[in-house]
Amino acid sequence: MKLCRVLGPVVATKKHPAWEGMALLCVQPLDEKGEASGAAFLAVDRAQAGEGDVVLVLSEGTGVRQIIGNPQGPIRSAIVGIVDEVHVP
């Protein structure tokens, strides 16, 4: 899993049928200090996250497809939780 910040929604006039009814969000990976780390990417929202939220993103295609319930879907990443706090010793 990755810790990411939601940059905002992605609006598409047409979606792959596997994505119908699901929100797509652009997320930015974060390092242990909460700083941006790496390239932003798309994730399906399963946690009702919003812009600016820090979220947990599962980026393992098979696991994501199991969560989504579509074993053949072209889905690679899903937001599976909203983070309230991060404590790094």
PDB file of N, CA and C in Angstrom:
ATOM      1  N   MET A   1       0.838  -1.190   0.000  1.00  0.00           N
ATOM      2  CA  MET A   1       0.000   0.000   0.000  1.00  0.00           C
ATOM      3  C   MET A   1       0.874   1.242   0.000  1.00  0.00           C
ATOM      4  N   LYS A   2       0.329   2.296  -0.547  1.00  0.00           N
ATOM      5  CA  LYS A   2       1.028   3.571  -0.617  1.00  0.00           C
ATOM      6  C   LYS A   2       0.215   4.632   0.114  1.00  0.00           C
ATOM      7  N   LEU A   3       0.941   5.568   0.704  1.00  0.00           N
ATOM      8  CA  LEU A   3       0.317   6.740   1.304  1.00  0.00           C
ATOM      9  C   LEU A   3       0.307   7.818   0.232  1.00  0.00           C
ATOM     10  N   CYS A   4      -0.862   8.401  -0.041  1.00  0.00           N
ATOM     11  CA  CYS A   4      -0.982   9.390  -1.124  1.00  0.00           C
ATOM     12  C   CYS A   4      -1.892  10.536  -0.683  1.00  0.00           C
ATOM     13  N   ARG A   5      -1.792  11.634  -1.403  1.00  0.00           N
ATOM     14  CA  ARG A   5      -2.715  12.753  -1.207  1.00  0.00           C
ATOM     15  C   ARG A   5      -3.571  12.882  -2.467  1.00  0.00           C
ATOM     16  N   VAL A   6      -4.857  13.097  -2.283  1.00  0.00           N
ATOM     17  CA  VAL A   6      -5.761  13.256  -3.419  1.00  0.00           C
ATOM     18  C   VAL A   6      -5.576  14.652  -4.011  1.00  0.00           C
ATOM     19  N   LEU A   7      -5.229  14.683  -5.310  1.00  0.00           N
ATOM     20  CA  LEU A   7      -5.058  15.959  -6.007  1.00  0.00           C
ATOM     21  C   LEU A   7      -6.390  16.479  -6.528  1.00  0.00           C
ATOM     22  N   GLY A   8      -7.277  15.574  -6.902  1.00  0.00           N
ATOM     23  CA  GLY A   8      -8.582  16.001  -7.391  1.00  0.00           C
ATOM     24  C   GLY A   8      -9.253  14.939  -8.225  1.00  0.00           C
ATOM     25  N   PRO A   9     -10.494  15.187  -8.583  1.00  0.00           N
ATOM     26  CA  PRO A   9     -11.239  14.201  -9.388  1.00  0.00           C
ATOM     27  C   PRO A   9     -10.802  14.231 -10.845  1.00  0.00           C
ATOM     28  N   VAL A  10     -11.031  13.128 -11.512  1.00  0.00           N
ATOM     29  CA  VAL A  10     -10.802  13.025 -12.951  1.00  0.00           C
ATOM     30  C   VAL A  10     -12.164  12.838 -13.591  1.00  0.00           C
ATOM     31  N   VAL A  11     -12.515  13.736 -14.497  1.00  0.00           N
ATOM     32  CA  VAL A  11     -13.810  13.686 -15.167  1.00  0.00           C
ATOM     33  C   VAL A  11     -13.596  13.158 -16.581  1.00  0.00           C
ATOM     34  N   ALA A  12     -14.360  12.143 -16.936  1.00  0.00           N
ATOM     35  CA  ALA A  12     -14.257  11.556 -18.270  1.00  0.00           C
ATOM     36  C   ALA A  12     -15.656  11.461 -18.875  1.00  0.00           C
ATOM     37  N   THR A  13     -15.773  11.875 -20.119  1.00  0.00           N
ATOM     38  CA  THR A  13     -17.076  11.781 -20.768  1.00  0.00           C
ATOM     39  C   THR A  13     -17.426  10.340 -21.113  1.00  0.00           C
ATOM     40  N   LYS A  14     -16.390   9.523 -21.306  1.00  0.00           N
ATOM     41  CA  LYS A  14     -16.602   8.092 -21.547  1.00  0.00           C
ATOM     42  C   LYS A  14     -15.626   7.327 -20.678  1.00  0.00           C
ATOM     43  N   LYS A  15     -16.103   6.226 -20.118  1.00  0.00           N
ATOM     44  CA  LYS A  15     -15.259   5.370 -19.287  1.00  0.00           C
ATOM     45  C   LYS A  15     -15.339   3.941 -19.806  1.00  0.00           C
ATOM     46  N   HIS A  16     -14.318   3.177 -19.482  1.00  0.00           N
ATOM     47  CA  HIS A  16     -14.371   1.741 -19.728  1.00  0.00           C
ATOM     48  C   HIS A  16     -15.551   1.200 -18.913  1.00  0.00           C
ATOM     49  N   PRO A  17     -16.308   0.260 -19.437  1.00  0.00           N
ATOM     50  CA  PRO A  17     -17.472  -0.269 -18.705  1.00  0.00           C
ATOM     51  C   PRO A  17     -17.136  -0.763 -17.299  1.00  0.00           C
ATOM     52  N   ALA A  18     -15.919  -1.225 -17.083  1.00  0.00           N
ATOM     53  CA  ALA A  18     -15.531  -1.708 -15.752  1.00  0.00           C
ATOM     54  C   ALA A  18     -15.487  -0.582 -14.731  1.00  0.00           C
ATOM     55  N   TRP A  19     -15.405   0.662 -15.168  1.00  0.00           N
ATOM     56  CA  TRP A  19     -15.301   1.812 -14.272  1.00  0.00           C
ATOM     57  C   TRP A  19     -16.623   2.531 -14.084  1.00  0.00           C
ATOM     58  N   GLU A  20     -17.693   2.051 -14.715  1.00  0.00           N
ATOM     59  CA  GLU A  20     -18.990   2.724 -14.578  1.00  0.00           C
ATOM     60  C   GLU A  20     -19.423   2.758 -13.115  1.00  0.00           C
ATOM     61  N   GLY A  21     -19.869   3.927 -12.695  1.00  0.00           N
ATOM     62  CA  GLY A  21     -20.348   4.096 -11.327  1.00  0.00           C
ATOM     63  C   GLY A  21     -19.257   4.291 -10.293  1.00  0.00           C
ATOM     64  N   MET A  22     -18.001   4.357 -10.717  1.00  0.00           N
ATOM     65  CA  MET A  22     -16.891   4.537  -9.778  1.00  0.00           C
ATOM     66  C   MET A  22     -16.214   5.878 -10.032  1.00  0.00           C
ATOM     67  N   ALA A  23     -15.841   6.552  -8.955  1.00  0.00           N
ATOM     68  CA  ALA A  23     -15.122   7.824  -9.076  1.00  0.00           C
ATOM     69  C   ALA A  23     -13.642   7.554  -9.305  1.00  0.00           C
ATOM     70  N   LEU A  24     -13.053   8.341 -10.193  1.00  0.00           N
ATOM     71  CA  LEU A  24     -11.612   8.265 -10.443  1.00  0.00           C
ATOM     72  C   LEU A  24     -10.967   9.506  -9.862  1.00  0.00           C
ATOM     73  N   LEU A  25      -9.907   9.315  -9.100  1.00  0.00           N
ATOM     74  CA  LEU A  25      -9.198  10.440  -8.506  1.00  0.00           C
ATOM     75  C   LEU A  25      -7.734  10.396  -8.891  1.00  0.00           C
ATOM     76  N   CYS A  26      -7.136  11.580  -9.030  1.00  0.00           N
ATOM     77  CA  CYS A  26      -5.700  11.685  -9.271  1.00  0.00           C
ATOM     78  C   CYS A  26      -5.037  11.788  -7.898  1.00  0.00           C
ATOM     79  N   VAL A  27      -4.050  10.920  -7.623  1.00  0.00           N
ATOM     80  CA  VAL A  27      -3.390  10.899  -6.317  1.00  0.00           C
ATOM     81  C   VAL A  27      -1.884  11.083  -6.477  1.00  0.00           C
ATOM     82  N   GLN A  28      -1.280  11.713  -5.466  1.00  0.00           N
ATOM     83  CA  GLN A  28       0.165  11.958  -5.438  1.00  0.00           C
ATOM     84  C   GLN A  28       0.787  11.124  -4.321  1.00  0.00           C
ATOM     85  N   PRO A  29       1.718  10.217  -4.632  1.00  0.00           N
ATOM     86  CA  PRO A  29       2.391   9.463  -3.570  1.00  0.00           C
ATOM     87  C   PRO A  29       3.141  10.408  -2.624  1.00  0.00           C
ATOM     88  N   LEU A  30       3.195  10.017  -1.344  1.00  0.00           N
ATOM     89  CA  LEU A  30       3.884  10.807  -0.322  1.00  0.00           C
ATOM     90  C   LEU A  30       4.995   9.971   0.309  1.00  0.00           C
ATOM     91  N   ASP A  31       6.064  10.659   0.777  1.00  0.00           N
ATOM     92  CA  ASP A  31       7.101   9.952   1.524  1.00  0.00           C
ATOM     93  C   ASP A  31       6.753   9.960   3.011  1.00  0.00           C
ATOM     94  N   GLU A  32       7.668   9.463   3.852  1.00  0.00           N
ATOM     95  CA  GLU A  32       7.388   9.350   5.283  1.00  0.00           C
ATOM     96  C   GLU A  32       7.244  10.703   5.975  1.00  0.00           C
ATOM     97  N   LYS A  33       7.699  11.779   5.311  1.00  0.00           N
ATOM     98  CA  LYS A  33       7.554  13.126   5.867  1.00  0.00           C
ATOM     99  C   LYS A  33       6.315  13.849   5.337  1.00  0.00           C
ATOM    100  N   GLY A  34       5.573  13.164   4.479  1.00  0.00           N
ATOM    101  CA  GLY A  34       4.381  13.771   3.898  1.00  0.00           C
ATOM    102  C   GLY A  34       4.667  14.628   2.688  1.00  0.00           C
ATOM    103  N   GLU A  35       5.881  14.518   2.148  1.00  0.00           N
ATOM    104  CA  GLU A  35       6.256  15.279   0.954  1.00  0.00           C
ATOM    105  C   GLU A  35       5.951  14.455  -0.301  1.00  0.00           C
ATOM    106  N   ALA A  36       5.667  15.153  -1.399  1.00  0.00           N
ATOM    107  CA  ALA A  36       5.396  14.474  -2.666  1.00  0.00           C
ATOM    108  C   ALA A  36       6.580  13.610  -3.055  1.00  0.00           C
ATOM    109  N   SER A  37       6.288  12.417  -3.539  1.00  0.00           N
ATOM    110  CA  SER A  37       7.336  11.463  -3.891  1.00  0.00           C
ATOM    111  C   SER A  37       6.869  10.634  -5.082  1.00  0.00           C
ATOM    112  N   GLY A  38       7.415  10.905  -6.251  1.00  0.00           N
ATOM    113  CA  GLY A  38       7.042  10.132  -7.428  1.00  0.00           C
ATOM    114  C   GLY A  38       5.926  10.782  -8.225  1.00  0.00           C
ATOM    115  N   ALA A  39       5.585  10.124  -9.300  1.00  0.00           N
ATOM    116  CA  ALA A  39       4.596  10.651 -10.242  1.00  0.00           C
ATOM    117  C   ALA A  39       3.172  10.375  -9.756  1.00  0.00           C
ATOM    118  N   ALA A  40       2.296  11.327 -10.008  1.00  0.00           N
ATOM    119  CA  ALA A  40       0.879  11.156  -9.693  1.00  0.00           C
ATOM    120  C   ALA A  40       0.278  10.084 -10.617  1.00  0.00           C
ATOM    121  N   PHE A  41      -0.803   9.467 -10.152  1.00  0.00           N
ATOM    122  CA  PHE A  41      -1.474   8.432 -10.946  1.00  0.00           C
ATOM    123  C   PHE A  41      -2.957   8.393 -10.597  1.00  0.00           C
ATOM    124  N   LEU A  42      -3.718   7.617 -11.351  1.00  0.00           N
ATOM    125  CA  LEU A  42      -5.159   7.506 -11.138  1.00  0.00           C
ATOM    126  C   LEU A  42      -5.473   6.329 -10.222  1.00  0.00           C
ATOM    127  N   ALA A  43      -6.504   6.514  -9.415  1.00  0.00           N
ATOM    128  CA  ALA A  43      -6.984   5.426  -8.561  1.00  0.00           C
ATOM    129  C   ALA A  43      -8.507   5.501  -8.494  1.00  0.00           C
ATOM    130  N   VAL A  44      -9.108   4.332  -8.431  1.00  0.00           N
ATOM    131  CA  VAL A  44     -10.553   4.251  -8.218  1.00  0.00           C
ATOM    132  C   VAL A  44     -10.821   4.506  -6.747  1.00  0.00           C
ATOM    133  N   ASP A  45     -11.806   5.339  -6.466  1.00  0.00           N
ATOM    134  CA  ASP A  45     -12.107   5.687  -5.076  1.00  0.00           C
ATOM    135  C   ASP A  45     -13.124   4.716  -4.490  1.00  0.00           C
ATOM    136  N   ARG A  46     -12.712   3.980  -3.453  1.00  0.00           N
ATOM    137  CA  ARG A  46     -13.621   3.073  -2.742  1.00  0.00           C
ATOM    138  C   ARG A  46     -13.840   3.536  -1.304  1.00  0.00           C
ATOM    139  N   ALA A  47     -13.356   4.749  -0.971  1.00  0.00           N
ATOM    140  CA  ALA A  47     -13.451   5.217   0.419  1.00  0.00           C
ATOM    141  C   ALA A  47     -14.125   6.576   0.525  1.00  0.00           C
ATOM    142  N   GLN A  48     -14.670   7.068  -0.564  1.00  0.00           N
ATOM    143  CA  GLN A  48     -15.319   8.379  -0.597  1.00  0.00           C
ATOM    144  C   GLN A  48     -14.361   9.481  -0.149  1.00  0.00           C
ATOM    145  N   ALA A  49     -13.159   9.468  -0.699  1.00  0.00           N
ATOM    146  CA  ALA A  49     -12.142  10.472  -0.398  1.00  0.00           C
ATOM    147  C   ALA A  49     -12.437  11.760  -1.164  1.00  0.00           C
ATOM    148  N   GLY A  50     -11.836  12.836  -0.698  1.00  0.00           N
ATOM    149  CA  GLY A  50     -12.001  14.119  -1.360  1.00  0.00           C
ATOM    150  C   GLY A  50     -10.658  14.787  -1.585  1.00  0.00           C
ATOM    151  N   GLU A  51     -10.681  15.856  -2.335  1.00  0.00           N
ATOM    152  CA  GLU A  51      -9.463  16.592  -2.663  1.00  0.00           C
ATOM    153  C   GLU A  51      -8.750  17.013  -1.382  1.00  0.00           C
ATOM    154  N   GLY A  52      -7.434  16.754  -1.314  1.00  0.00           N
ATOM    155  CA  GLY A  52      -6.628  17.115  -0.158  1.00  0.00           C
ATOM    156  C   GLY A  52      -6.529  16.030   0.901  1.00  0.00           C
ATOM    157  N   ASP A  53      -7.376  15.015   0.847  1.00  0.00           N
ATOM    158  CA  ASP A  53      -7.312  13.923   1.822  1.00  0.00           C
ATOM    159  C   ASP A  53      -6.030  13.118   1.631  1.00  0.00           C
ATOM    160  N   VAL A  54      -5.475  12.654   2.746  1.00  0.00           N
ATOM    161  CA  VAL A  54      -4.384  11.679   2.704  1.00  0.00           C
ATOM    162  C   VAL A  54      -5.042  10.311   2.753  1.00  0.00           C
ATOM    163  N   VAL A  55      -4.660   9.448   1.830  1.00  0.00           N
ATOM    164  CA  VAL A  55      -5.354   8.171   1.661  1.00  0.00           C
ATOM    165  C   VAL A  55      -4.374   7.011   1.550  1.00  0.00           C
ATOM    166  N   LEU A  56      -4.887   5.817   1.786  1.00  0.00           N
ATOM    167  CA  LEU A  56      -4.145   4.582   1.537  1.00  0.00           C
ATOM    168  C   LEU A  56      -4.568   4.060   0.174  1.00  0.00           C
ATOM    169  N   VAL A  57      -3.578   3.756  -0.666  1.00  0.00           N
ATOM    170  CA  VAL A  57      -3.870   3.281  -2.017  1.00  0.00           C
ATOM    171  C   VAL A  57      -3.265   1.897  -2.201  1.00  0.00           C
ATOM    172  N   LEU A  58      -4.103   0.966  -2.588  1.00  0.00           N
ATOM    173  CA  LEU A  58      -3.648  -0.379  -2.940  1.00  0.00           C
ATOM    174  C   LEU A  58      -3.332  -0.363  -4.425  1.00  0.00           C
ATOM    175  N   SER A  59      -2.101  -0.733  -4.770  1.00  0.00           N
ATOM    176  CA  SER A  59      -1.670  -0.669  -6.176  1.00  0.00           C
ATOM    177  C   SER A  59      -1.238  -2.027  -6.699  1.00  0.00           C
ATOM    178  N   GLU A  60      -1.899  -3.057  -6.257  1.00  0.00           N
ATOM    179  CA  GLU A  60      -1.609  -4.400  -6.748  1.00  0.00           C
ATOM    180  C   GLU A  60      -2.840  -4.853  -7.530  1.00  0.00           C
ATOM    181  N   GLY A  61      -2.699  -4.916  -8.827  1.00  0.00           N
ATOM    182  CA  GLY A  61      -3.837  -5.145  -9.703  1.00  0.00           C
ATOM    183  C   GLY A  61      -4.764  -6.267  -9.282  1.00  0.00           C
ATOM    184  N   THR A  62      -4.227  -7.429  -8.931  1.00  0.00           N
ATOM    185  CA  THR A  62      -5.089  -8.555  -8.570  1.00  0.00           C
ATOM    186  C   THR A  62      -5.898  -8.245  -7.315  1.00  0.00           C
ATOM    187  N   GLY A  63      -5.243  -7.691  -6.300  1.00  0.00           N
ATOM    188  CA  GLY A  63      -5.946  -7.336  -5.069  1.00  0.00           C
ATOM    189  C   GLY A  63      -7.005  -6.282  -5.309  1.00  0.00           C
ATOM    190  N   VAL A  64      -6.692  -5.311  -6.150  1.00  0.00           N
ATOM    191  CA  VAL A  64      -7.645  -4.241  -6.465  1.00  0.00           C
ATOM    192  C   VAL A  64      -8.860  -4.826  -7.181  1.00  0.00           C
ATOM    193  N   ARG A  65      -8.620  -5.687  -8.140  1.00  0.00           N
ATOM    194  CA  ARG A  65      -9.747  -6.273  -8.880  1.00  0.00           C
ATOM    195  C   ARG A  65     -10.631  -7.121  -7.970  1.00  0.00           C
ATOM    196  N   GLN A  66     -10.033  -7.755  -6.957  1.00  0.00           N
ATOM    197  CA  GLN A  66     -10.841  -8.518  -5.997  1.00  0.00           C
ATOM    198  C   GLN A  66     -11.698  -7.578  -5.164  1.00  0.00           C
ATOM    199  N   ILE A  67     -11.134  -6.446  -4.745  1.00  0.00           N
ATOM    200  CA  ILE A  67     -11.902  -5.478  -3.953  1.00  0.00           C
ATOM    201  C   ILE A  67     -13.037  -4.905  -4.782  1.00  0.00           C
ATOM    202  N   ILE A  68     -12.753  -4.593  -6.026  1.00  0.00           N
ATOM    203  CA  ILE A  68     -13.754  -4.021  -6.919  1.00  0.00           C
ATOM    204  C   ILE A  68     -14.800  -5.060  -7.301  1.00  0.00           C
ATOM    205  N   GLY A  69     -14.407  -6.327  -7.278  1.00  0.00           N
ATOM    206  CA  GLY A  69     -15.334  -7.387  -7.649  1.00  0.00           C
ATOM    207  C   GLY A  69     -15.413  -7.604  -9.147  1.00  0.00           C
ATOM    208  N   ASN A  70     -14.334  -7.267  -9.845  1.00  0.00           N
ATOM    209  CA  ASN A  70     -14.284  -7.448 -11.291  1.00  0.00           C
ATOM    210  C   ASN A  70     -12.924  -8.056 -11.640  1.00  0.00           C
ATOM    211  N   PRO A  71     -12.828  -9.391 -11.686  1.00  0.00           N
ATOM    212  CA  PRO A  71     -11.524 -10.035 -11.877  1.00  0.00           C
ATOM    213  C   PRO A  71     -10.878  -9.756 -13.230  1.00  0.00           C
ATOM    214  N   GLN A  72     -11.625  -9.260 -14.201  1.00  0.00           N
ATOM    215  CA  GLN A  72     -11.065  -8.987 -15.526  1.00  0.00           C
ATOM    216  C   GLN A  72     -10.911  -7.490 -15.800  1.00  0.00           C
ATOM    217  N   GLY A  73     -11.305  -6.645 -14.868  1.00  0.00           N
ATOM    218  CA  GLY A  73     -11.303  -5.200 -15.098  1.00  0.00           C
ATOM    219  C   GLY A  73      -9.918  -4.602 -15.246  1.00  0.00           C
ATOM    220  N   PRO A  74      -9.804  -3.544 -16.066  1.00  0.00           N
ATOM    221  CA  PRO A  74      -8.515  -2.877 -16.271  1.00  0.00           C
ATOM    222  C   PRO A  74      -8.265  -1.847 -15.166  1.00  0.00           C
ATOM    223  N   ILE A  75      -8.164  -2.324 -13.949  1.00  0.00           N
ATOM    224  CA  ILE A  75      -8.011  -1.440 -12.791  1.00  0.00           C
ATOM    225  C   ILE A  75      -6.751  -1.835 -12.051  1.00  0.00           C
ATOM    226  N   ARG A  76      -5.908  -0.846 -11.785  1.00  0.00           N
ATOM    227  CA  ARG A  76      -4.628  -1.139 -11.147  1.00  0.00           C
ATOM    228  C   ARG A  76      -4.528  -0.608  -9.715  1.00  0.00           C
ATOM    229  N   SER A  77      -5.203   0.510  -9.410  1.00  0.00           N
ATOM    230  CA  SER A  77      -5.060   1.137  -8.095  1.00  0.00           C
ATOM    231  C   SER A  77      -6.421   1.530  -7.547  1.00  0.00           C
ATOM    232  N   ALA A  78      -6.565   1.380  -6.229  1.00  0.00           N
ATOM    233  CA  ALA A  78      -7.814   1.771  -5.577  1.00  0.00           C
ATOM    234  C   ALA A  78      -7.513   2.426  -4.234  1.00  0.00           C
ATOM    235  N   ILE A  79      -8.259   3.473  -3.932  1.00  0.00           N
ATOM    236  CA  ILE A  79      -8.183   4.110  -2.620  1.00  0.00           C
ATOM    237  C   ILE A  79      -9.025   3.254  -1.683  1.00  0.00           C
ATOM    238  N   VAL A  80      -8.376   2.737  -0.626  1.00  0.00           N
ATOM    239  CA  VAL A  80      -9.067   1.816   0.270  1.00  0.00           C
ATOM    240  C   VAL A  80      -9.230   2.380   1.681  1.00  0.00           C
ATOM    241  N   GLY A  81      -8.695   3.577   1.957  1.00  0.00           N
ATOM    242  CA  GLY A  81      -8.851   4.153   3.283  1.00  0.00           C
ATOM    243  C   GLY A  81      -8.449   5.611   3.313  1.00  0.00           C
ATOM    244  N   ILE A  82      -9.031   6.345   4.253  1.00  0.00           N
ATOM    245  CA  ILE A  82      -8.680   7.749   4.472  1.00  0.00           C
ATOM    246  C   ILE A  82      -7.892   7.816   5.773  1.00  0.00           C
ATOM    247  N   VAL A  83      -6.722   8.455   5.723  1.00  0.00           N
ATOM    248  CA  VAL A  83      -5.809   8.509   6.870  1.00  0.00           C
ATOM    249  C   VAL A  83      -6.131   9.737   7.714  1.00  0.00           C
ATOM    250  N   ASP A  84      -6.303   9.514   9.032  1.00  0.00           N
ATOM    251  CA  ASP A  84      -6.537  10.631   9.947  1.00  0.00           C
ATOM    252  C   ASP A  84      -5.223  11.248  10.417  1.00  0.00           C
ATOM    253  N   GLU A  85      -4.266  10.403  10.799  1.00  0.00           N
ATOM    254  CA  GLU A  85      -2.983  10.893  11.307  1.00  0.00           C
ATOM    255  C   GLU A  85      -1.883   9.925  10.917  1.00  0.00           C
ATOM    256  N   VAL A  86      -0.662  10.458  10.808  1.00  0.00           N
ATOM    257  CA  VAL A  86       0.519   9.629  10.578  1.00  0.00           C
ATOM    258  C   VAL A  86       1.544  10.006  11.636  1.00  0.00           C
ATOM    259  N   HIS A  87       2.045   9.003  12.355  1.00  0.00           N
ATOM    260  CA  HIS A  87       3.089   9.228  13.361  1.00  0.00           C
ATOM    261  C   HIS A  87       4.342   8.493  12.906  1.00  0.00           C
ATOM    262  N   VAL A  88       5.426   9.225  12.709  1.00  0.00           N
ATOM    263  CA  VAL A  88       6.697   8.628  12.331  1.00  0.00           C
ATOM    264  C   VAL A  88       7.672   8.870  13.476  1.00  0.00           C
ATOM    265  N   PRO A  89       8.163   7.797  14.111  1.00  0.00           N
ATOM    266  CA  PRO A  89       9.077   7.987  15.255  1.00  0.00           C
ATOM    267  C   PRO A  89      10.421   8.543  14.824  1.00  0.00           C
TER     268      PRO A  89
END
